[in-house]
Full PDB file with SEQRES, HELIX, SHEET, SSBOND, CRYST1, ORIGX, SCALE, CONECT and MASTER records, all heavy atoms in Angstrom:
SEQRES   1 A   41  ILE ALA GLU SER ALA LEU LYS ARG ARG GLN GLY VAL LYS          
SEQRES   2 A   41  ASP SER SER THR LEU ILE PRO GLY HIS GLY GLY LEU LEU          
SEQRES   3 A   41  ASP ARG PHE ASP ALA LEU LEU GLY ALA SER LEU PHE MET          
SEQRES   4 A   41  LEU LEU                                                      
HELIX    1 AA1 ALA A    2  GLN A   10  1                                   9    
HELIX    2 AA2 LEU A   25  LEU A   40  1                                  16    
CRYST1    1.000    1.000    1.000  90.00  90.00  90.00 P 1           1          
ORIGX1      1.000000  0.000000  0.000000        0.00000                         
ORIGX2      0.000000  1.000000  0.000000        0.00000                         
ORIGX3      0.000000  0.000000  1.000000        0.00000                         
SCALE1      1.000000  0.000000  0.000000        0.00000                         
SCALE2      0.000000  1.000000  0.000000        0.00000                         
SCALE3      0.000000  0.000000  1.000000        0.00000                         
ATOM      1  N   ILE A   1     -10.857   6.061   2.457  1.00  0.00           N  
ATOM      2  CA  ILE A   1     -11.472   5.283   1.311  1.00  0.00           C  
ATOM      3  C   ILE A   1     -11.117   3.845   1.337  1.00  0.00           C  
ATOM      4  O   ILE A   1     -11.885   2.927   1.111  1.00  0.00           O  
ATOM      5  CB  ILE A   1     -10.934   5.937   0.024  1.00  0.00           C  
ATOM      6  CG1 ILE A   1     -11.610   7.270  -0.228  1.00  0.00           C  
ATOM      7  CG2 ILE A   1     -11.180   4.950  -1.134  1.00  0.00           C  
ATOM      8  CD1 ILE A   1     -13.105   7.178  -0.599  1.00  0.00           C  
ATOM      9  N   ALA A   2      -9.816   3.536   1.753  1.00  0.00           N  
ATOM     10  CA  ALA A   2      -9.348   2.187   1.853  1.00  0.00           C  
ATOM     11  C   ALA A   2     -10.140   1.371   2.855  1.00  0.00           C  
ATOM     12  O   ALA A   2     -10.559   0.229   2.659  1.00  0.00           O  
ATOM     13  CB  ALA A   2      -7.863   2.148   2.160  1.00  0.00           C  
ATOM     14  N   GLU A   3     -10.407   2.023   3.968  1.00  0.00           N  
ATOM     15  CA  GLU A   3     -11.134   1.311   5.053  1.00  0.00           C  
ATOM     16  C   GLU A   3     -12.648   1.169   4.664  1.00  0.00           C  
ATOM     17  O   GLU A   3     -13.236   0.159   4.911  1.00  0.00           O  
ATOM     18  CB  GLU A   3     -11.059   2.114   6.381  1.00  0.00           C  
ATOM     19  CG  GLU A   3     -11.461   1.311   7.597  1.00  0.00           C  
ATOM     20  CD  GLU A   3     -12.697   1.751   8.283  1.00  0.00           C  
ATOM     21  OE1 GLU A   3     -13.260   2.782   7.852  1.00  0.00           O  
ATOM     22  OE2 GLU A   3     -13.181   1.029   9.213  1.00  0.00           O  
ATOM     23  N   SER A   4     -13.156   2.215   3.914  1.00  0.00           N  
ATOM     24  CA  SER A   4     -14.504   2.076   3.352  1.00  0.00           C  
ATOM     25  C   SER A   4     -14.603   0.896   2.419  1.00  0.00           C  
ATOM     26  O   SER A   4     -15.647   0.176   2.385  1.00  0.00           O  
ATOM     27  CB  SER A   4     -14.956   3.368   2.717  1.00  0.00           C  
ATOM     28  OG  SER A   4     -14.997   4.451   3.623  1.00  0.00           O  
ATOM     29  N   ALA A   5     -13.606   0.706   1.587  1.00  0.00           N  
ATOM     30  CA  ALA A   5     -13.527  -0.374   0.652  1.00  0.00           C  
ATOM     31  C   ALA A   5     -13.567  -1.689   1.389  1.00  0.00           C  
ATOM     32  O   ALA A   5     -14.263  -2.640   0.947  1.00  0.00           O  
ATOM     33  CB  ALA A   5     -12.377  -0.279  -0.216  1.00  0.00           C  
ATOM     34  N   LEU A   6     -12.770  -1.777   2.499  1.00  0.00           N  
ATOM     35  CA  LEU A   6     -12.758  -3.015   3.313  1.00  0.00           C  
ATOM     36  C   LEU A   6     -14.133  -3.312   3.860  1.00  0.00           C  
ATOM     37  O   LEU A   6     -14.644  -4.473   3.822  1.00  0.00           O  
ATOM     38  CB  LEU A   6     -11.751  -2.851   4.382  1.00  0.00           C  
ATOM     39  CG  LEU A   6     -11.672  -4.015   5.446  1.00  0.00           C  
ATOM     40  CD1 LEU A   6     -11.321  -5.322   4.758  1.00  0.00           C  
ATOM     41  CD2 LEU A   6     -10.647  -3.704   6.523  1.00  0.00           C  
ATOM     42  N   LYS A   7     -14.804  -2.349   4.457  1.00  0.00           N  
ATOM     43  CA  LYS A   7     -16.122  -2.516   5.017  1.00  0.00           C  
ATOM     44  C   LYS A   7     -17.156  -2.911   3.995  1.00  0.00           C  
ATOM     45  O   LYS A   7     -17.899  -3.797   4.251  1.00  0.00           O  
ATOM     46  CB  LYS A   7     -16.508  -1.222   5.790  1.00  0.00           C  
ATOM     47  CG  LYS A   7     -15.774  -0.999   7.019  1.00  0.00           C  
ATOM     48  CD  LYS A   7     -16.387   0.185   7.831  1.00  0.00           C  
ATOM     49  CE  LYS A   7     -16.334   1.504   7.087  1.00  0.00           C  
ATOM     50  NZ  LYS A   7     -16.851   2.647   7.920  1.00  0.00           N  
ATOM     51  N   ARG A   8     -17.071  -2.221   2.881  1.00  0.00           N  
ATOM     52  CA  ARG A   8     -18.012  -2.589   1.764  1.00  0.00           C  
ATOM     53  C   ARG A   8     -17.812  -4.036   1.310  1.00  0.00           C  
ATOM     54  O   ARG A   8     -18.751  -4.773   0.995  1.00  0.00           O  
ATOM     55  CB  ARG A   8     -17.864  -1.575   0.629  1.00  0.00           C  
ATOM     56  CG  ARG A   8     -18.999  -1.628  -0.363  1.00  0.00           C  
ATOM     57  CD  ARG A   8     -18.903  -0.432  -1.336  1.00  0.00           C  
ATOM     58  NE  ARG A   8     -19.947  -0.349  -2.239  1.00  0.00           N  
ATOM     59  CZ  ARG A   8     -21.128   0.260  -1.952  1.00  0.00           C  
ATOM     60  NH1 ARG A   8     -21.354   0.768  -0.742  1.00  0.00           N  
ATOM     61  NH2 ARG A   8     -22.125   0.277  -2.854  1.00  0.00           N  
ATOM     62  N   ARG A   9     -16.567  -4.378   1.203  1.00  0.00           N  
ATOM     63  CA  ARG A   9     -16.243  -5.721   0.755  1.00  0.00           C  
ATOM     64  C   ARG A   9     -16.723  -6.832   1.723  1.00  0.00           C  
ATOM     65  O   ARG A   9     -17.094  -7.873   1.336  1.00  0.00           O  
ATOM     66  CB  ARG A   9     -14.679  -5.824   0.524  1.00  0.00           C  
ATOM     67  CG  ARG A   9     -14.203  -7.133  -0.089  1.00  0.00           C  
ATOM     68  CD  ARG A   9     -12.691  -7.036  -0.234  1.00  0.00           C  
ATOM     69  NE  ARG A   9     -12.140  -8.236  -0.849  1.00  0.00           N  
ATOM     70  CZ  ARG A   9     -11.836  -8.363  -2.184  1.00  0.00           C  
ATOM     71  NH1 ARG A   9     -12.093  -7.312  -2.924  1.00  0.00           N  
ATOM     72  NH2 ARG A   9     -11.273  -9.437  -2.620  1.00  0.00           N  
ATOM     73  N   GLN A  10     -16.634  -6.441   3.005  1.00  0.00           N  
ATOM     74  CA  GLN A  10     -17.094  -7.397   4.056  1.00  0.00           C  
ATOM     75  C   GLN A  10     -18.558  -7.262   4.401  1.00  0.00           C  
ATOM     76  O   GLN A  10     -19.089  -8.054   5.177  1.00  0.00           O  
ATOM     77  CB  GLN A  10     -16.258  -7.218   5.301  1.00  0.00           C  
ATOM     78  CG  GLN A  10     -14.776  -7.335   5.130  1.00  0.00           C  
ATOM     79  CD  GLN A  10     -14.364  -8.574   4.335  1.00  0.00           C  
ATOM     80  OE1 GLN A  10     -14.835  -9.643   4.598  1.00  0.00           O  
ATOM     81  NE2 GLN A  10     -13.414  -8.406   3.390  1.00  0.00           N  
ATOM     82  N   GLY A  11     -19.246  -6.266   3.814  1.00  0.00           N  
ATOM     83  CA  GLY A  11     -20.616  -6.094   4.075  1.00  0.00           C  
ATOM     84  C   GLY A  11     -21.031  -5.633   5.498  1.00  0.00           C  
ATOM     85  O   GLY A  11     -22.035  -6.074   6.086  1.00  0.00           O  
ATOM     86  N   VAL A  12     -20.133  -4.734   6.051  1.00  0.00           N  
ATOM     87  CA  VAL A  12     -20.402  -4.236   7.381  1.00  0.00           C  
ATOM     88  C   VAL A  12     -20.433  -2.714   7.355  1.00  0.00           C  
ATOM     89  O   VAL A  12     -19.801  -2.100   6.469  1.00  0.00           O  
ATOM     90  CB  VAL A  12     -19.328  -4.679   8.374  1.00  0.00           C  
ATOM     91  CG1 VAL A  12     -19.334  -6.155   8.553  1.00  0.00           C  
ATOM     92  CG2 VAL A  12     -17.977  -4.159   8.020  1.00  0.00           C  
ATOM     93  N   LYS A  13     -21.115  -2.118   8.227  1.00  0.00           N  
ATOM     94  CA  LYS A  13     -21.272  -0.652   8.331  1.00  0.00           C  
ATOM     95  C   LYS A  13     -20.154  -0.054   9.016  1.00  0.00           C  
ATOM     96  O   LYS A  13     -19.655   1.090   8.543  1.00  0.00           O  
ATOM     97  CB  LYS A  13     -22.654  -0.264   9.007  1.00  0.00           C  
ATOM     98  CG  LYS A  13     -22.930   1.219   9.046  1.00  0.00           C  
ATOM     99  CD  LYS A  13     -24.219   1.532   9.727  1.00  0.00           C  
ATOM    100  CE  LYS A  13     -24.542   3.007   9.720  1.00  0.00           C  
ATOM    101  NZ  LYS A  13     -23.615   3.774  10.571  1.00  0.00           N  
ATOM    102  N   ASP A  14     -19.739  -0.622  10.150  1.00  0.00           N  
ATOM    103  CA  ASP A  14     -18.649  -0.095  10.923  1.00  0.00           C  
ATOM    104  C   ASP A  14     -17.642  -1.154  11.234  1.00  0.00           C  
ATOM    105  O   ASP A  14     -18.005  -2.324  11.245  1.00  0.00           O  
ATOM    106  CB  ASP A  14     -19.168   0.594  12.224  1.00  0.00           C  
ATOM    107  CG  ASP A  14     -20.088   1.758  11.976  1.00  0.00           C  
ATOM    108  OD1 ASP A  14     -19.690   2.618  11.233  1.00  0.00           O  
ATOM    109  OD2 ASP A  14     -21.189   1.699  12.550  1.00  0.00           O  
ATOM    110  N   SER A  15     -16.425  -0.771  11.620  1.00  0.00           N  
ATOM    111  CA  SER A  15     -15.393  -1.762  11.890  1.00  0.00           C  
ATOM    112  C   SER A  15     -15.751  -2.448  13.259  1.00  0.00           C  
ATOM    113  O   SER A  15     -15.392  -3.585  13.552  1.00  0.00           O  
ATOM    114  CB  SER A  15     -14.018  -1.143  11.995  1.00  0.00           C  
ATOM    115  OG  SER A  15     -13.907  -0.089  13.035  1.00  0.00           O  
ATOM    116  N   SER A  16     -16.454  -1.731  14.158  1.00  0.00           N  
ATOM    117  CA  SER A  16     -16.928  -2.280  15.463  1.00  0.00           C  
ATOM    118  C   SER A  16     -17.951  -1.250  16.041  1.00  0.00           C  
ATOM    119  O   SER A  16     -18.305  -0.278  15.291  1.00  0.00           O  
ATOM    120  CB  SER A  16     -15.743  -2.544  16.459  1.00  0.00           C  
ATOM    121  OG  SER A  16     -15.248  -1.319  16.966  1.00  0.00           O  
ATOM    122  N   THR A  17     -18.282  -1.441  17.295  1.00  0.00           N  
ATOM    123  CA  THR A  17     -19.300  -0.535  17.896  1.00  0.00           C  
ATOM    124  C   THR A  17     -18.674   0.111  19.166  1.00  0.00           C  
ATOM    125  O   THR A  17     -19.360   0.404  20.042  1.00  0.00           O  
ATOM    126  CB  THR A  17     -20.524  -1.219  18.199  1.00  0.00           C  
ATOM    127  OG1 THR A  17     -20.256  -2.325  19.058  1.00  0.00           O  
ATOM    128  CG2 THR A  17     -21.267  -1.731  16.961  1.00  0.00           C  
ATOM    129  N   LEU A  18     -17.394   0.302  19.140  1.00  0.00           N  
ATOM    130  CA  LEU A  18     -16.698   0.715  20.373  1.00  0.00           C  
ATOM    131  C   LEU A  18     -17.020   2.235  20.739  1.00  0.00           C  
ATOM    132  O   LEU A  18     -17.038   2.590  21.908  1.00  0.00           O  
ATOM    133  CB  LEU A  18     -15.180   0.508  20.328  1.00  0.00           C  
ATOM    134  CG  LEU A  18     -14.720  -0.906  20.226  1.00  0.00           C  
ATOM    135  CD1 LEU A  18     -13.164  -0.957  20.062  1.00  0.00           C  
ATOM    136  CD2 LEU A  18     -15.071  -1.615  21.531  1.00  0.00           C  
ATOM    137  N   ILE A  19     -17.124   3.038  19.656  1.00  0.00           N  
ATOM    138  CA  ILE A  19     -17.283   4.460  19.856  1.00  0.00           C  
ATOM    139  C   ILE A  19     -18.646   4.924  19.393  1.00  0.00           C  
ATOM    140  O   ILE A  19     -18.924   4.919  18.211  1.00  0.00           O  
ATOM    141  CB  ILE A  19     -16.137   5.264  19.093  1.00  0.00           C  
ATOM    142  CG1 ILE A  19     -14.768   4.667  19.423  1.00  0.00           C  
ATOM    143  CG2 ILE A  19     -16.230   6.715  19.455  1.00  0.00           C  
ATOM    144  CD1 ILE A  19     -13.706   5.249  18.470  1.00  0.00           C  
ATOM    145  N   PRO A  20     -19.474   5.443  20.285  1.00  0.00           N  
ATOM    146  CA  PRO A  20     -20.772   5.966  19.899  1.00  0.00           C  
ATOM    147  C   PRO A  20     -20.739   7.080  18.804  1.00  0.00           C  
ATOM    148  O   PRO A  20     -19.997   8.017  19.006  1.00  0.00           O  
ATOM    149  CB  PRO A  20     -21.402   6.470  21.196  1.00  0.00           C  
ATOM    150  CG  PRO A  20     -20.654   5.765  22.304  1.00  0.00           C  
ATOM    151  CD  PRO A  20     -19.262   5.576  21.763  1.00  0.00           C  
ATOM    152  N   GLY A  21     -21.424   6.798  17.672  1.00  0.00           N  
ATOM    153  CA  GLY A  21     -21.492   7.811  16.658  1.00  0.00           C  
ATOM    154  C   GLY A  21     -20.355   7.795  15.625  1.00  0.00           C  
ATOM    155  O   GLY A  21     -20.386   8.340  14.608  1.00  0.00           O  
ATOM    156  N   HIS A  22     -19.357   6.953  16.012  1.00  0.00           N  
ATOM    157  CA  HIS A  22     -18.182   6.801  15.063  1.00  0.00           C  
ATOM    158  C   HIS A  22     -17.904   5.348  14.692  1.00  0.00           C  
ATOM    159  O   HIS A  22     -17.120   5.115  13.785  1.00  0.00           O  
ATOM    160  CB  HIS A  22     -16.958   7.304  15.848  1.00  0.00           C  
ATOM    161  CG  HIS A  22     -17.010   8.806  16.026  1.00  0.00           C  
ATOM    162  ND1 HIS A  22     -16.476   9.699  15.133  1.00  0.00           N  
ATOM    163  CD2 HIS A  22     -17.414   9.538  17.087  1.00  0.00           C  
ATOM    164  CE1 HIS A  22     -16.655  10.890  15.620  1.00  0.00           C  
ATOM    165  NE2 HIS A  22     -17.218  10.890  16.737  1.00  0.00           N  
ATOM    166  N   GLY A  23     -18.467   4.400  15.327  1.00  0.00           N  
ATOM    167  CA  GLY A  23     -18.209   2.981  15.025  1.00  0.00           C  
ATOM    168  C   GLY A  23     -17.013   2.483  15.811  1.00  0.00           C  
ATOM    169  O   GLY A  23     -17.018   2.498  17.034  1.00  0.00           O  
ATOM    170  N   GLY A  24     -15.978   2.036  15.106  1.00  0.00           N  
ATOM    171  CA  GLY A  24     -14.779   1.536  15.778  1.00  0.00           C  
ATOM    172  C   GLY A  24     -13.604   2.434  15.702  1.00  0.00           C  
ATOM    173  O   GLY A  24     -13.655   3.545  15.053  1.00  0.00           O  
ATOM    174  N   LEU A  25     -12.536   2.023  16.305  1.00  0.00           N  
ATOM    175  CA  LEU A  25     -11.336   2.899  16.223  1.00  0.00           C  
ATOM    176  C   LEU A  25     -10.785   2.988  14.810  1.00  0.00           C  
ATOM    177  O   LEU A  25     -10.268   4.033  14.421  1.00  0.00           O  
ATOM    178  CB  LEU A  25     -10.219   2.251  17.116  1.00  0.00           C  
ATOM    179  CG  LEU A  25     -10.491   2.338  18.637  1.00  0.00           C  
ATOM    180  CD1 LEU A  25      -9.405   1.727  19.431  1.00  0.00           C  
ATOM    181  CD2 LEU A  25     -10.709   3.763  19.126  1.00  0.00           C  
ATOM    182  N   LEU A  26     -10.889   1.883  14.026  1.00  0.00           N  
ATOM    183  CA  LEU A  26     -10.457   1.966  12.689  1.00  0.00           C  
ATOM    184  C   LEU A  26     -11.254   2.905  11.806  1.00  0.00           C  
ATOM    185  O   LEU A  26     -10.691   3.600  10.982  1.00  0.00           O  
ATOM    186  CB  LEU A  26     -10.513   0.517  12.032  1.00  0.00           C  
ATOM    187  CG  LEU A  26      -9.827   0.337  10.688  1.00  0.00           C  
ATOM    188  CD1 LEU A  26      -8.347   0.724  10.814  1.00  0.00           C  
ATOM    189  CD2 LEU A  26      -9.934  -1.154  10.196  1.00  0.00           C  
ATOM    190  N   ASP A  27     -12.576   3.018  12.157  1.00  0.00           N  
ATOM    191  CA  ASP A  27     -13.431   4.031  11.535  1.00  0.00           C  
ATOM    192  C   ASP A  27     -12.913   5.461  11.811  1.00  0.00           C  
ATOM    193  O   ASP A  27     -13.023   6.325  10.914  1.00  0.00           O  
ATOM    194  CB  ASP A  27     -14.871   3.859  11.944  1.00  0.00           C  
ATOM    195  CG  ASP A  27     -15.480   2.573  11.510  1.00  0.00           C  
ATOM    196  OD1 ASP A  27     -15.280   2.139  10.363  1.00  0.00           O  
ATOM    197  OD2 ASP A  27     -16.096   2.003  12.380  1.00  0.00           O  
ATOM    198  N   ARG A  28     -12.442   5.676  13.061  1.00  0.00           N  
ATOM    199  CA  ARG A  28     -12.096   7.017  13.485  1.00  0.00           C  
ATOM    200  C   ARG A  28     -10.706   7.387  13.094  1.00  0.00           C  
ATOM    201  O   ARG A  28     -10.348   8.532  12.852  1.00  0.00           O  
ATOM    202  CB  ARG A  28     -12.270   7.101  15.043  1.00  0.00           C  
ATOM    203  CG  ARG A  28     -11.944   8.492  15.613  1.00  0.00           C  
ATOM    204  CD  ARG A  28     -12.995   9.478  15.183  1.00  0.00           C  
ATOM    205  NE  ARG A  28     -13.035   9.661  13.736  1.00  0.00           N  
ATOM    206  CZ  ARG A  28     -13.696  10.649  13.107  1.00  0.00           C  
ATOM    207  NH1 ARG A  28     -14.341  11.506  13.734  1.00  0.00           N  
ATOM    208  NH2 ARG A  28     -13.674  10.722  11.795  1.00  0.00           N  
ATOM    209  N   PHE A  29      -9.780   6.386  13.043  1.00  0.00           N  
ATOM    210  CA  PHE A  29      -8.343   6.641  12.742  1.00  0.00           C  
ATOM    211  C   PHE A  29      -7.861   6.183  11.379  1.00  0.00           C  
ATOM    212  O   PHE A  29      -6.661   6.253  11.167  1.00  0.00           O  
ATOM    213  CB  PHE A  29      -7.483   5.991  13.915  1.00  0.00           C  
ATOM    214  CG  PHE A  29      -7.766   6.649  15.262  1.00  0.00           C  
ATOM    215  CD1 PHE A  29      -8.420   5.908  16.229  1.00  0.00           C  
ATOM    216  CD2 PHE A  29      -7.350   7.853  15.521  1.00  0.00           C  
ATOM    217  CE1 PHE A  29      -8.648   6.421  17.472  1.00  0.00           C  
ATOM    218  CE2 PHE A  29      -7.523   8.423  16.777  1.00  0.00           C  
ATOM    219  CZ  PHE A  29      -8.237   7.738  17.776  1.00  0.00           C  
ATOM    220  N   ASP A  30      -8.699   5.811  10.589  1.00  0.00           N  
ATOM    221  CA  ASP A  30      -8.273   5.343   9.214  1.00  0.00           C  
ATOM    222  C   ASP A  30      -7.527   6.447   8.483  1.00  0.00           C  
ATOM    223  O   ASP A  30      -6.578   6.229   7.799  1.00  0.00           O  
ATOM    224  CB  ASP A  30      -9.507   4.799   8.394  1.00  0.00           C  
ATOM    225  CG  ASP A  30     -10.699   5.745   8.360  1.00  0.00           C  
ATOM    226  OD1 ASP A  30     -10.564   6.869   8.823  1.00  0.00           O  
ATOM    227  OD2 ASP A  30     -11.739   5.354   7.839  1.00  0.00           O  
ATOM    228  N   ALA A  31      -8.056   7.665   8.553  1.00  0.00           N  
ATOM    229  CA  ALA A  31      -7.415   8.776   7.884  1.00  0.00           C  
ATOM    230  C   ALA A  31      -6.040   9.095   8.432  1.00  0.00           C  
ATOM    231  O   ALA A  31      -5.107   9.398   7.703  1.00  0.00           O  
ATOM    232  CB  ALA A  31      -8.274  10.043   7.914  1.00  0.00           C  
ATOM    233  N   LEU A  32      -5.942   9.061   9.773  1.00  0.00           N  
ATOM    234  CA  LEU A  32      -4.646   9.251  10.430  1.00  0.00           C  
ATOM    235  C   LEU A  32      -3.596   8.180  10.051  1.00  0.00           C  
ATOM    236  O   LEU A  32      -2.426   8.479   9.850  1.00  0.00           O  
ATOM    237  CB  LEU A  32      -4.821   9.293  11.986  1.00  0.00           C  
ATOM    238  CG  LEU A  32      -3.548   9.655  12.726  1.00  0.00           C  
ATOM    239  CD1 LEU A  32      -3.093  11.030  12.343  1.00  0.00           C  
ATOM    240  CD2 LEU A  32      -3.897   9.579  14.262  1.00  0.00           C  
ATOM    241  N   LEU A  33      -4.096   6.950   9.798  1.00  0.00           N  
ATOM    242  CA  LEU A  33      -3.232   5.878   9.330  1.00  0.00           C  
ATOM    243  C   LEU A  33      -2.694   6.206   7.956  1.00  0.00           C  
ATOM    244  O   LEU A  33      -1.448   6.121   7.757  1.00  0.00           O  
ATOM    245  CB  LEU A  33      -3.901   4.580   9.290  1.00  0.00           C  
ATOM    246  CG  LEU A  33      -4.401   4.020  10.667  1.00  0.00           C  
ATOM    247  CD1 LEU A  33      -5.244   2.777  10.449  1.00  0.00           C  
ATOM    248  CD2 LEU A  33      -3.227   3.724  11.574  1.00  0.00           C  
ATOM    249  N   GLY A  34      -3.497   6.651   7.034  1.00  0.00           N  
ATOM    250  CA  GLY A  34      -3.158   7.011   5.668  1.00  0.00           C  
ATOM    251  C   GLY A  34      -2.151   8.208   5.695  1.00  0.00           C  
ATOM    252  O   GLY A  34      -1.133   8.197   5.068  1.00  0.00           O  
ATOM    253  N   ALA A  35      -2.408   9.183   6.596  1.00  0.00           N  
ATOM    254  CA  ALA A  35      -1.559  10.379   6.653  1.00  0.00           C  
ATOM    255  C   ALA A  35      -0.222   9.929   7.193  1.00  0.00           C  
ATOM    256  O   ALA A  35       0.874  10.438   6.781  1.00  0.00           O  
ATOM    257  CB  ALA A  35      -2.210  11.414   7.526  1.00  0.00           C  
ATOM    258  N   SER A  36      -0.248   9.086   8.231  1.00  0.00           N  
ATOM    259  CA  SER A  36       1.059   8.675   8.880  1.00  0.00           C  
ATOM    260  C   SER A  36       1.952   7.849   7.936  1.00  0.00           C  
ATOM    261  O   SER A  36       3.115   8.136   7.846  1.00  0.00           O  
ATOM    262  CB  SER A  36       0.741   7.791  10.102  1.00  0.00           C  
ATOM    263  OG  SER A  36       1.920   7.297  10.678  1.00  0.00           O  
ATOM    264  N   LEU A  37       1.237   6.975   7.201  1.00  0.00           N  
ATOM    265  CA  LEU A  37       2.082   6.163   6.233  1.00  0.00           C  
ATOM    266  C   LEU A  37       2.644   7.076   5.139  1.00  0.00           C  
ATOM    267  O   LEU A  37       3.849   6.873   4.783  1.00  0.00           O  
ATOM    268  CB  LEU A  37       1.141   5.096   5.569  1.00  0.00           C  
ATOM    269  CG  LEU A  37       0.782   3.931   6.517  1.00  0.00           C  
ATOM    270  CD1 LEU A  37      -0.228   3.029   5.808  1.00  0.00           C  
ATOM    271  CD2 LEU A  37       1.951   3.082   6.890  1.00  0.00           C  
ATOM    272  N   PHE A  38       1.857   7.970   4.623  1.00  0.00           N  
ATOM    273  CA  PHE A  38       2.409   8.847   3.599  1.00  0.00           C  
ATOM    274  C   PHE A  38       3.530   9.762   4.151  1.00  0.00           C  
ATOM    275  O   PHE A  38       4.530  10.004   3.481  1.00  0.00           O  
ATOM    276  CB  PHE A  38       1.271   9.727   3.036  1.00  0.00           C  
ATOM    277  CG  PHE A  38       1.739  10.681   1.982  1.00  0.00           C  
ATOM    278  CD1 PHE A  38       1.938  10.186   0.669  1.00  0.00           C  
ATOM    279  CD2 PHE A  38       2.005  11.992   2.239  1.00  0.00           C  
ATOM    280  CE1 PHE A  38       2.399  11.001  -0.331  1.00  0.00           C  
ATOM    281  CE2 PHE A  38       2.401  12.867   1.215  1.00  0.00           C  
ATOM    282  CZ  PHE A  38       2.615  12.361  -0.077  1.00  0.00           C  
ATOM    283  N   MET A  39       3.346  10.321   5.353  1.00  0.00           N  
ATOM    284  CA  MET A  39       4.343  11.177   5.933  1.00  0.00           C  
ATOM    285  C   MET A  39       5.639  10.347   6.174  1.00  0.00           C  
ATOM    286  O   MET A  39       6.760  10.980   6.046  1.00  0.00           O  
ATOM    287  CB  MET A  39       3.884  11.803   7.237  1.00  0.00           C  
ATOM    288  CG  MET A  39       4.715  12.955   7.773  1.00  0.00           C  
ATOM    289  SD  MET A  39       4.853  14.260   6.536  1.00  0.00           S  
ATOM    290  CE  MET A  39       6.472  14.982   7.017  1.00  0.00           C  
ATOM    291  N   LEU A  40       5.538   9.123   6.617  1.00  0.00           N  
ATOM    292  CA  LEU A  40       6.721   8.344   6.777  1.00  0.00           C  
ATOM    293  C   LEU A  40       7.484   8.206   5.470  1.00  0.00           C  
ATOM    294  O   LEU A  40       8.727   8.283   5.419  1.00  0.00           O  
ATOM    295  CB  LEU A  40       6.326   6.970   7.258  1.00  0.00           C  
ATOM    296  CG  LEU A  40       6.032   6.809   8.769  1.00  0.00           C  
ATOM    297  CD1 LEU A  40       5.448   5.547   9.069  1.00  0.00           C  
ATOM    298  CD2 LEU A  40       7.284   7.114   9.574  1.00  0.00           C  
ATOM    299  N   LEU A  41       6.761   8.005   4.392  1.00  0.00           N  
ATOM    300  CA  LEU A  41       7.349   7.853   2.978  1.00  0.00           C  
ATOM    301  C   LEU A  41       7.993   9.129   2.634  1.00  0.00           C  
ATOM    302  O   LEU A  41       9.180   9.096   2.177  1.00  0.00           O  
ATOM    303  CB  LEU A  41       6.293   7.423   2.073  1.00  0.00           C  
ATOM    304  CG  LEU A  41       6.725   7.342   0.585  1.00  0.00           C  
ATOM    305  CD1 LEU A  41       7.770   6.176   0.427  1.00  0.00           C  
ATOM    306  CD2 LEU A  41       5.598   7.074  -0.328  1.00  0.00           C  
TER     307      LEU A  41                                                      
MASTER        0    0    0    2    0    0    0    6  306    1    0    4          
END                                                                             
């Protein structure tokens, strides 16, 4: 959701076009980032 908010705020569909069907690495790993930060806490 946080990454979606960033993209919506910047007016872009994907963080990049590096991964076919997924957009960028941030599009693919945004949930893992949230999970990692929470698990660290």
